[in-house]
Amino acid sequence: MSERVAITTHPTPAQDVLAQDFVHFAVDCGVLRFGEFKTKAGRMSPYFFNAGLFDDGAKLGRLAQFYAQRLLASGIEFDMIFGPAYKGIPLGAALAVELARLGRNVPFAYNRKEAKDHGEGGTLVGAPLKGRVLIVDDVMSAGTAARESIAIIRAAGATAHAVVIALDRQEKATENGLDVDYSAVQYVKNQLGLQVCAIAKLTDLMQYLEKHSAQGLTADHQRVLAYRQRYGVKEG
């Protein structure tokens, strides 16, 4: 039987510090970059977050610490971890290792994009999906990956309970090519009924840019602010 994880809530100020530390870490690693980047929605974004660039053991280990600390602050309870292919696989595995290091050993599973037709077969690898499942991903842009994960988890007879991500872009999602008044995170929370927590949000990124404006980031701050004003969503 899997170990049930009960998480203790930490004070809000520590969460703010955690977010700022994470943004600083992501910038130093080159994972969070500023410039001009085209998003899946076809928007030209002044920043880009590429979790694939957490590309060595030290970076991935530190990233896992951020995920674990945010979960410890969230109050979310879960029975196991699911990492959706592809980026969610190393993220979920690293988080499982970090939680075990902290004394909270929980099962971990992930999926393949293509079903295996030999050996054990199927699309699922790792522990059987049971109980309340925590989905681990990097950035939620449209909610598509979350819906796919939910379908996989439900088909296995388990409950998709919560999602933890690295960065909440806090921007409007798109439906049929049109902007809507809610973000992908808000859709997953309000329409799909899952709890969602993020290590950092766009507002944290903006605070980082404002704080470091003397280091030549003033123009980046203005571009991100303009993007937020055009595509941002209300909190909640």
Foldseek 3Di string as FASTA:
>chain_A
DFDKDWAAADDPVVLLVLQLVLLVLQVVLVQKDADWDQDPLRDTARIHGHPPSCPDDVSLLVLLVLLLVQRNNPRDMFAAEEQEPDQRVSNRVSVQVVVVVVVRHHWYKYFAPDWDPDDVTGTIDTDQQAEEYEYEEAEQAALPSVVVVQVVSVVSVYGDAAYEYAEYAQFFHDDPSHTDQGGSQCCCCPVVPHHYYYSYYLVSVLVSLVVCVVVVSVVSSVRSVVVCVVTHHDDD
